[in-house]
Amino acid sequence: MLWLPFLLKVNSWLGLNLGTAGFEYIYKNYDGPLYVIVAKTFYAHDTPYFAAHLPLYPALIFVFKQIIGVFVKQLAYLKSMLLVNILSTIGLAGFFYYLVKKFRLTNHPMFLTATLLFLPRFLVVRVVGAPESLFMLLTLLSVYFFEKDKYFWAGIFGGLSVMVKSPGILLFGAYGLVFLERLFYKKRIELKWFWTLLIPFGLLTVFLIYWRQMGDFLAYFHSGDNIHLMFPFAVFNYQKTWVGTAWLEDVVFYYLLYGVAVVTLWKSKYRSFFYYSLVFFVATLFVQHRDISRYSLPIWPFAAIAFEKFLTDKKYRLIFFIILVGIYFYAWNFLSYNVMPIADWKPFL
């Protein structure tokens, strides 16, 4: 449905001027094509900027390109880029449904899952080339196994999440806070907790890949102006490159949404839900970037759990289906705007 105007290559769609670009708009949305470059070269070049794009998502793009390339000869890398994201989104939705049902967190797991999928910014991110769905799936898997006391698998999936996006390391901090809480009440340390060290090992693996491929162990930190952690509420500065506007009131509401979610989760018996949301929320407060809605997406599944009663109420459902139309308008508008200025497609084919 969301791809429809781009598949049809219409010049105008419900008031939006789409020109003649067609489905190229989907391929060109930031930062998808940059991950394709990494998938093709795996950092075997002298451009440090690509170190900001961590290796697991590009590696999966490469793997799926080999599979679909047997059947698809044109744009195989770009199609693989989308396929990995779509499969990750399906996996995320399916596992979120399983988790909330398994832990009995809602009486309406299907509708809560639908709500998860249609957060406006996430609706856009999950239909273009982007690592967020994969990252959210891996972090959710890690948290699930952590709550089941299966720390080896929690460490494995947490370590993989760090190889998708660097904020995965925040899982390690969150688990550390859970262990401190348990140590305070139970006065003992369990050796199996140390499996969570696999999470920073995932980050170490990324740095070793960079060292091997680019000759720079710390290439991630030398990738340019891509590390946006500054000081609390640093986003409210229109003069900064990655902000560029004073129209930021929506950011206040995102902070409010996730802040209330964190406070609500404080009473949850699933302590990693609370601590991961807390650590990620605090980190987001330091981000100096206009796209706070995207940076904060990993908190969204836990916020959906925190607000489950409200999000599954009949009154909410009524307005949800009305606003859903507006969400699609938002997404079409965003997809036609947030595109890379690509003149030569050869590097991406």
Protein backbone atom coordinates (compact mmCIF):
# COMPACT_ATOMS: atom_id res chain seq x y z
CA MET A 1 0.00 0.00 0.00
CA LEU A 2 2.75 2.47 0.97
CA TRP A 3 4.76 1.68 -2.16
CA LEU A 4 1.73 1.99 -4.46
CA PRO A 5 2.27 5.52 -5.88
CA PHE A 6 5.94 4.76 -6.48
CA LEU A 7 5.21 1.42 -8.15
CA LEU A 8 2.65 3.08 -10.39
CA LYS A 9 5.08 5.89 -11.25
CA VAL A 10 2.33 8.49 -11.06
CA ASN A 11 3.27 12.15 -11.45
CA SER A 12 0.81 13.27 -8.79
CA TRP A 13 -0.57 11.40 -5.80
CA LEU A 14 -3.24 12.97 -3.61
CA GLY A 15 -1.66 16.40 -4.01
CA LEU A 16 1.97 15.24 -3.85
CA ASN A 17 4.15 15.93 -6.87
CA LEU A 18 6.19 12.78 -7.39
CA GLY A 19 7.62 13.62 -10.79
CA THR A 20 8.84 10.61 -12.76
CA ALA A 21 11.19 9.00 -10.22
CA GLY A 22 8.86 6.12 -9.39
CA PHE A 23 10.27 3.38 -7.20
CA GLU A 24 13.67 5.05 -7.20
CA TYR A 25 12.34 7.16 -4.34
CA ILE A 26 12.21 4.03 -2.20
CA TYR A 27 15.70 2.91 -3.18
CA LYS A 28 17.14 6.40 -2.63
CA ASN A 29 15.79 7.05 0.86
CA TYR A 30 18.53 7.75 3.39
CA ASP A 31 20.67 5.84 4.35
CA GLY A 32 19.83 2.71 2.39
CA PRO A 33 22.17 3.12 -0.60
CA LEU A 34 25.12 3.75 1.72
CA TYR A 35 24.61 0.30 3.24
CA VAL A 36 24.66 -1.13 -0.29
CA ILE A 37 28.11 0.41 -0.82
CA VAL A 38 29.32 -1.32 2.33
CA ALA A 39 27.69 -4.60 1.23
CA LYS A 40 29.62 -4.43 -2.05
CA THR A 41 32.99 -3.30 -0.70
CA PHE A 42 32.90 -4.36 2.97
CA TYR A 43 35.00 -1.30 3.89
CA ALA A 44 37.77 -2.10 1.39
CA HIS A 45 38.27 1.57 0.54
CA ASP A 46 39.76 4.74 2.01
CA THR A 47 36.49 6.48 2.87
CA PRO A 48 36.17 6.53 6.69
CA TYR A 49 32.59 7.84 6.52
CA PHE A 50 31.28 4.34 5.77
CA ALA A 51 32.52 3.13 9.17
CA ALA A 52 29.42 4.84 10.59
CA HIS A 53 27.39 2.09 8.87
CA LEU A 54 27.99 -1.04 10.92
CA PRO A 55 28.57 -4.40 9.20
CA LEU A 56 25.76 -6.82 10.03
CA TYR A 57 23.00 -5.23 7.94
CA PRO A 58 25.31 -4.87 4.89
CA ALA A 59 26.52 -8.45 5.39
CA LEU A 60 22.93 -9.69 5.23
CA ILE A 61 22.33 -7.56 2.14
CA PHE A 62 25.30 -9.29 0.51
CA VAL A 63 24.08 -12.77 1.50
CA PHE A 64 20.55 -12.20 0.23
CA LYS A 65 21.90 -10.63 -2.94
CA GLN A 66 23.63 -13.93 -3.72
CA ILE A 67 20.32 -15.73 -3.26
CA ILE A 68 17.98 -13.43 -5.16
CA GLY A 69 20.65 -12.67 -7.74
CA VAL A 70 20.02 -16.13 -9.18
CA PHE A 71 16.51 -15.01 -10.11
CA VAL A 72 16.85 -11.23 -10.33
CA LYS A 73 19.52 -9.74 -12.57
CA GLN A 74 18.75 -6.04 -12.20
CA LEU A 75 19.12 -3.97 -9.03
CA ALA A 76 19.81 -7.11 -7.00
CA TYR A 77 21.70 -5.25 -4.25
CA LEU A 78 18.97 -2.64 -3.87
CA LYS A 79 16.25 -5.28 -3.82
CA SER A 80 18.20 -7.29 -1.27
CA MET A 81 18.51 -4.11 0.83
CA LEU A 82 14.72 -3.89 0.98
CA LEU A 83 14.19 -7.62 1.41
CA VAL A 84 16.41 -7.82 4.50
CA ASN A 85 14.46 -4.96 6.08
CA ILE A 86 11.08 -6.47 5.20
CA LEU A 87 12.03 -9.87 6.60
CA SER A 88 13.42 -8.21 9.73
CA THR A 89 10.16 -6.30 10.17
CA ILE A 90 8.14 -9.50 9.79
CA GLY A 91 10.41 -11.14 12.35
CA LEU A 92 10.04 -8.18 14.71
CA ALA A 93 6.24 -8.15 14.45
CA GLY A 94 6.02 -11.91 14.92
CA PHE A 95 8.35 -11.96 17.90
CA PHE A 96 6.74 -8.94 19.55
CA TYR A 97 3.37 -10.70 19.23
CA TYR A 98 4.89 -13.85 20.74
CA LEU A 99 6.56 -11.95 23.59
CA VAL A 100 3.52 -9.97 24.74
CA LYS A 101 1.38 -13.10 24.53
CA LYS A 102 3.94 -15.34 26.25
CA PHE A 103 4.46 -12.88 29.10
CA ARG A 104 0.72 -12.10 29.21
CA LEU A 105 1.31 -8.39 28.79
CA THR A 106 -1.94 -7.72 26.92
CA ASN A 107 -5.29 -9.25 26.07
CA HIS A 108 -5.01 -7.83 22.55
CA PRO A 109 -1.62 -8.93 21.21
CA MET A 110 -2.60 -8.56 17.55
CA PHE A 111 -3.81 -4.98 17.85
CA LEU A 112 -0.85 -4.00 20.02
CA THR A 113 1.45 -5.42 17.35
CA ALA A 114 -0.39 -3.43 14.68
CA THR A 115 0.09 -0.29 16.78
CA LEU A 116 3.80 -1.08 17.02
CA LEU A 117 4.08 -1.26 13.24
CA PHE A 118 2.24 1.99 12.50
CA LEU A 119 4.15 4.49 14.56
CA PRO A 120 4.60 7.08 11.77
CA ARG A 121 8.40 7.18 11.67
CA PHE A 122 8.65 3.42 11.94
CA LEU A 123 6.20 2.95 9.08
CA VAL A 124 8.66 4.83 6.86
CA VAL A 125 11.82 3.19 8.19
CA ARG A 126 10.53 -0.33 7.71
CA VAL A 127 9.81 0.04 3.96
CA VAL A 128 13.15 1.49 2.81
CA GLY A 129 16.77 0.48 3.22
CA ALA A 130 17.34 0.84 6.96
CA PRO A 131 18.73 -1.26 9.86
CA GLU A 132 16.19 -0.26 12.52
CA SER A 133 13.87 -3.26 12.18
CA LEU A 134 16.80 -5.67 12.41
CA PHE A 135 18.23 -3.80 15.37
CA MET A 136 14.91 -3.73 17.22
CA LEU A 137 14.36 -7.45 16.57
CA LEU A 138 17.78 -8.38 17.95
CA THR A 139 17.42 -6.20 21.05
CA LEU A 140 13.96 -7.59 21.74
CA LEU A 141 15.31 -11.15 21.38
CA SER A 142 18.14 -10.31 23.77
CA VAL A 143 15.80 -8.84 26.37
CA TYR A 144 13.45 -11.82 26.07
CA PHE A 145 16.21 -14.36 26.73
CA PHE A 146 17.55 -12.19 29.53
CA GLU A 147 14.19 -12.35 31.27
CA LYS A 148 14.16 -16.12 30.76
CA ASP A 149 17.58 -16.27 32.51
CA LYS A 150 19.20 -17.56 29.31
CA TYR A 151 22.11 -15.18 29.45
CA PHE A 152 24.16 -16.85 26.74
CA TRP A 153 21.47 -16.14 24.14
CA ALA A 154 20.86 -12.71 25.61
CA GLY A 155 24.55 -12.02 25.07
CA ILE A 156 24.56 -13.49 21.55
CA PHE A 157 21.63 -11.42 20.32
CA GLY A 158 22.84 -8.36 22.19
CA GLY A 159 26.27 -8.74 20.59
CA LEU A 160 24.67 -9.04 17.15
CA SER A 161 22.60 -5.91 17.81
CA VAL A 162 25.80 -3.94 18.43
CA MET A 163 26.99 -5.08 15.01
CA VAL A 164 23.89 -3.45 13.49
CA LYS A 165 23.83 -0.17 15.42
CA SER A 166 26.23 1.04 18.10
CA PRO A 167 23.46 1.87 20.65
CA GLY A 168 23.12 -1.89 21.12
CA ILE A 169 25.88 -1.48 23.69
CA LEU A 170 23.28 0.16 25.90
CA LEU A 171 21.86 -3.32 26.51
CA PHE A 172 25.05 -4.13 28.39
CA GLY A 173 24.58 -1.07 30.59
CA ALA A 174 20.93 -1.95 31.21
CA TYR A 175 21.77 -5.54 32.17
CA GLY A 176 24.50 -4.24 34.45
CA LEU A 177 21.92 -2.15 36.31
CA VAL A 178 19.66 -5.19 36.65
CA PHE A 179 22.57 -7.15 38.12
CA LEU A 180 23.35 -4.33 40.55
CA GLU A 181 19.73 -4.34 41.69
CA ARG A 182 19.80 -8.11 42.19
CA LEU A 183 23.13 -7.87 43.99
CA PHE A 184 21.66 -5.27 46.34
CA TYR A 185 18.70 -7.48 47.26
CA LYS A 186 20.16 -10.98 46.96
CA LYS A 187 23.79 -10.28 47.97
CA ARG A 188 25.26 -12.68 45.41
CA ILE A 189 26.81 -12.79 41.95
CA GLU A 190 26.05 -15.56 39.47
CA LEU A 191 28.72 -16.66 37.01
CA LYS A 192 26.18 -17.01 34.19
CA TRP A 193 25.71 -13.23 34.24
CA PHE A 194 29.10 -12.92 32.54
CA TRP A 195 27.64 -14.22 29.28
CA THR A 196 26.40 -10.68 28.77
CA LEU A 197 30.04 -9.75 28.09
CA LEU A 198 29.30 -11.06 24.59
CA ILE A 199 27.60 -7.70 23.98
CA PRO A 200 30.77 -5.57 24.17
CA PHE A 201 32.50 -8.43 22.34
CA GLY A 202 30.15 -7.67 19.42
CA LEU A 203 31.43 -4.09 19.40
CA LEU A 204 35.02 -5.34 19.61
CA THR A 205 34.32 -7.53 16.56
CA VAL A 206 33.17 -4.45 14.62
CA PHE A 207 36.37 -2.61 15.53
CA LEU A 208 38.48 -5.62 14.51
CA ILE A 209 36.72 -5.70 11.13
CA TYR A 210 37.52 -2.03 10.66
CA TRP A 211 41.14 -2.64 11.66
CA ARG A 212 41.40 -5.50 9.17
CA GLN A 213 39.64 -3.75 6.30
CA MET A 214 40.50 -0.09 6.83
CA GLY A 215 43.64 -0.23 8.97
CA ASP A 216 41.96 1.80 11.71
CA PHE A 217 40.70 0.07 14.85
CA LEU A 218 38.80 3.23 15.84
CA ALA A 219 37.47 4.02 12.36
CA TYR A 220 33.95 4.40 13.74
CA PHE A 221 35.07 7.42 15.74
CA HIS A 222 36.91 8.84 12.73
CA SER A 223 33.95 8.59 10.36
CA GLY A 224 33.15 12.29 10.45
CA ASP A 225 30.35 14.19 12.12
CA ASN A 226 28.26 11.09 12.82
CA ILE A 227 28.42 10.76 16.60
CA HIS A 228 25.75 13.11 17.84
CA LEU A 229 25.95 12.71 21.62
CA MET A 230 26.55 16.17 23.11
CA PHE A 231 24.73 17.37 26.24
CA PRO A 232 21.15 17.12 27.55
CA PHE A 233 18.56 18.58 25.14
CA ALA A 234 21.31 19.48 22.66
CA VAL A 235 18.79 19.00 19.83
CA PHE A 236 17.26 22.39 20.63
CA ASN A 237 19.85 24.39 18.68
CA TYR A 238 18.82 25.30 15.16
CA GLN A 239 22.37 26.45 14.33
CA LYS A 240 23.80 22.94 14.39
CA THR A 241 24.28 21.04 11.13
CA TRP A 242 22.13 18.02 11.98
CA VAL A 243 19.31 20.12 13.45
CA GLY A 244 18.89 23.08 11.11
CA THR A 245 15.45 24.18 12.28
CA ALA A 246 13.68 25.66 15.29
CA TRP A 247 10.45 23.73 14.53
CA LEU A 248 11.14 21.07 17.15
CA GLU A 249 8.04 20.89 19.33
CA ASP A 250 7.43 17.30 18.19
CA VAL A 251 10.72 16.35 19.89
CA VAL A 252 9.32 17.55 23.21
CA PHE A 253 6.36 15.20 22.78
CA TYR A 254 8.65 12.27 21.94
CA TYR A 255 10.64 12.95 25.09
CA LEU A 256 7.40 13.14 27.04
CA LEU A 257 6.08 9.92 25.51
CA TYR A 258 9.16 7.88 26.27
CA GLY A 259 9.80 9.52 29.62
CA VAL A 260 6.34 8.55 30.84
CA ALA A 261 6.89 5.05 29.43
CA VAL A 262 10.09 4.70 31.47
CA VAL A 263 8.33 5.82 34.65
CA THR A 264 5.47 3.42 33.96
CA LEU A 265 7.87 0.51 33.40
CA TRP A 266 9.51 1.14 36.78
CA LYS A 267 6.90 -1.16 38.36
CA SER A 268 7.34 -3.92 35.79
CA LYS A 269 8.60 -7.23 37.10
CA TYR A 270 10.61 -7.52 33.90
CA ARG A 271 13.46 -5.34 35.09
CA SER A 272 15.37 -5.27 31.80
CA PHE A 273 12.33 -3.63 30.16
CA PHE A 274 12.66 -0.75 32.58
CA TYR A 275 16.43 -0.40 32.65
CA TYR A 276 16.92 -0.68 28.89
CA SER A 277 14.22 1.92 28.28
CA LEU A 278 15.74 4.14 30.95
CA VAL A 279 19.29 3.95 29.62
CA PHE A 280 18.19 4.44 26.02
CA PHE A 281 15.91 7.34 26.94
CA VAL A 282 18.67 9.12 28.84
CA ALA A 283 21.06 8.59 25.92
CA THR A 284 18.48 10.02 23.51
CA LEU A 285 18.30 13.22 25.56
CA PHE A 286 21.94 13.84 24.57
CA VAL A 287 21.43 13.37 20.82
CA GLN A 288 21.94 16.49 18.73
CA HIS A 289 20.01 15.51 15.62
CA ARG A 290 16.66 16.55 14.16
CA ASP A 291 15.53 12.95 13.70
CA ILE A 292 14.89 12.13 17.35
CA SER A 293 11.84 10.13 16.26
CA ARG A 294 14.19 7.68 14.50
CA TYR A 295 16.90 7.65 17.15
CA SER A 296 14.35 6.76 19.81
CA LEU A 297 12.63 3.96 17.87
CA PRO A 298 14.25 1.13 19.89
CA ILE A 299 12.30 2.31 22.95
CA TRP A 300 9.01 2.11 21.10
CA PRO A 301 8.26 -1.63 21.67
CA PHE A 302 8.68 -1.12 25.40
CA ALA A 303 6.60 2.06 25.34
CA ALA A 304 3.85 0.09 23.56
CA ILE A 305 3.99 -2.44 26.40
CA ALA A 306 3.96 0.32 29.01
CA PHE A 307 0.88 1.95 27.45
CA GLU A 308 -0.84 -1.32 26.57
CA LYS A 309 -4.11 -0.53 28.34
CA PHE A 310 -4.46 2.82 26.60
CA LEU A 311 -3.32 1.55 23.19
CA THR A 312 -5.85 -1.29 23.16
CA ASP A 313 -8.78 0.66 24.54
CA LYS A 314 -11.85 0.93 22.28
CA LYS A 315 -11.64 4.72 22.21
CA TYR A 316 -8.04 4.58 21.04
CA ARG A 317 -8.88 2.01 18.37
CA LEU A 318 -11.53 4.32 16.93
CA ILE A 319 -9.17 7.26 16.55
CA PHE A 320 -6.33 4.99 15.44
CA PHE A 321 -8.16 3.97 12.28
CA ILE A 322 -8.99 7.60 11.53
CA ILE A 323 -5.43 8.82 12.10
CA LEU A 324 -4.06 5.88 10.11
CA VAL A 325 -5.04 7.73 6.94
CA GLY A 326 -2.98 10.71 8.10
CA ILE A 327 -0.07 8.42 8.93
CA TYR A 328 -0.03 7.20 5.33
CA PHE A 329 -0.10 10.79 4.06
CA TYR A 330 2.83 11.56 6.35
CA ALA A 331 4.73 8.54 5.05
CA TRP A 332 4.14 9.30 1.36
CA ASN A 333 5.24 12.88 1.91
CA PHE A 334 8.36 11.79 3.81
CA LEU A 335 9.34 9.12 1.29
CA SER A 336 9.18 11.61 -1.56
CA TYR A 337 11.33 14.10 0.38
CA ASN A 338 14.01 12.13 2.23
CA VAL A 339 15.97 10.99 -0.84
CA MET A 340 19.66 10.97 -1.64
CA PRO A 341 20.73 13.04 -4.69
CA ILE A 342 22.02 10.10 -6.73
CA ALA A 343 22.94 10.99 -10.31
CA ASP A 344 24.97 7.86 -11.12
CA TRP A 345 23.52 4.50 -10.06
CA LYS A 346 26.51 2.40 -11.12
CA PRO A 347 28.10 2.15 -7.63
CA PHE A 348 24.82 0.78 -6.23
CA LEU A 349 24.08 -1.86 -8.87
